């Protein structure tokens, strides 16, 4: 369990550092992502992006445990 938590932390750190480049790939602007913009308010709910990231991580973890 400790090893998985450390790996998860490293992956989150890498994703945070690489986010400007990942944004250029279209991640975060997928169909299903909800954006509400007002004068002084912005709400962003990344449903489509969350599904894609979840599927990719599930596939990676499934292949790693085989």
Protein backbone atom coordinates (compact mmCIF):
# COMPACT_ATOMS: atom_id res chain seq x y z
CA UNK A 1 0.00 0.00 0.00
CA UNK A 2 2.82 2.41 0.84
CA UNK A 3 4.43 1.84 -2.53
CA UNK A 4 1.17 2.62 -4.37
CA UNK A 5 0.67 5.82 -2.41
CA UNK A 6 4.20 6.96 -3.24
CA UNK A 7 3.68 6.13 -6.93
CA UNK A 8 0.33 7.94 -6.91
CA UNK A 9 1.97 11.01 -5.36
CA UNK A 10 4.73 11.02 -7.96
CA UNK A 11 2.19 10.70 -10.78
CA UNK A 12 0.17 13.62 -9.37
CA UNK A 13 3.31 15.72 -9.05
CA UNK A 14 4.34 14.92 -12.63
CA UNK A 15 0.84 15.73 -13.93
CA UNK A 16 0.90 19.05 -12.10
CA UNK A 17 4.28 19.97 -13.52
CA UNK A 18 3.36 18.86 -17.05
CA UNK A 19 -0.11 20.47 -17.04
CA UNK A 20 0.84 23.40 -19.34
CA UNK A 21 1.96 20.92 -22.01
CA UNK A 22 -0.95 18.55 -21.38
CA UNK A 23 -3.32 21.48 -21.90
CA UNK A 24 -1.97 21.92 -25.42
CA UNK A 25 -3.03 18.35 -26.21
CA UNK A 26 -6.66 19.31 -25.64
CA UNK A 27 -6.88 17.72 -22.22
CA UNK A 28 -9.27 19.87 -20.22
CA UNK A 29 -11.34 20.96 -23.22
CA UNK A 30 -13.01 17.68 -24.04
CA UNK A 31 -16.70 17.22 -24.78
CA UNK A 32 -18.42 16.78 -21.45
CA UNK A 33 -16.28 19.35 -19.63
CA UNK A 34 -18.54 22.03 -18.18
CA UNK A 35 -17.38 25.66 -18.08
CA UNK A 36 -19.51 28.48 -16.69
CA UNK A 37 -18.03 31.96 -17.00
CA UNK A 38 -19.50 35.14 -15.51
CA UNK A 39 -18.04 38.61 -14.87
CA UNK A 40 -16.08 37.71 -11.74
CA UNK A 41 -16.73 33.98 -11.56
CA UNK A 42 -15.52 30.90 -13.39
CA UNK A 43 -16.68 27.35 -12.71
CA UNK A 44 -14.92 24.46 -14.40
CA UNK A 45 -16.12 20.85 -14.01
CA UNK A 46 -13.91 18.47 -16.03
CA UNK A 47 -16.25 15.48 -16.43
CA UNK A 48 -14.96 14.33 -19.83
CA UNK A 49 -11.33 14.80 -18.84
CA UNK A 50 -11.90 12.90 -15.59
CA UNK A 51 -13.34 9.96 -17.49
CA UNK A 52 -10.42 9.82 -19.92
CA UNK A 53 -7.83 10.07 -17.13
CA UNK A 54 -9.67 7.40 -15.14
CA UNK A 55 -9.74 5.01 -18.09
CA UNK A 56 -6.04 5.53 -18.83
CA UNK A 57 -5.02 5.04 -15.20
CA UNK A 58 -7.23 1.95 -14.91
CA UNK A 59 -5.62 0.46 -17.99
CA UNK A 60 -2.10 1.22 -16.74
CA UNK A 61 -2.77 -0.25 -13.28
CA UNK A 62 -4.48 -3.29 -14.78
CA UNK A 63 -1.48 -3.95 -17.04
CA UNK A 64 0.95 -3.39 -14.15
CA UNK A 65 -0.84 -5.99 -11.98
CA UNK A 66 -0.94 -8.68 -14.69
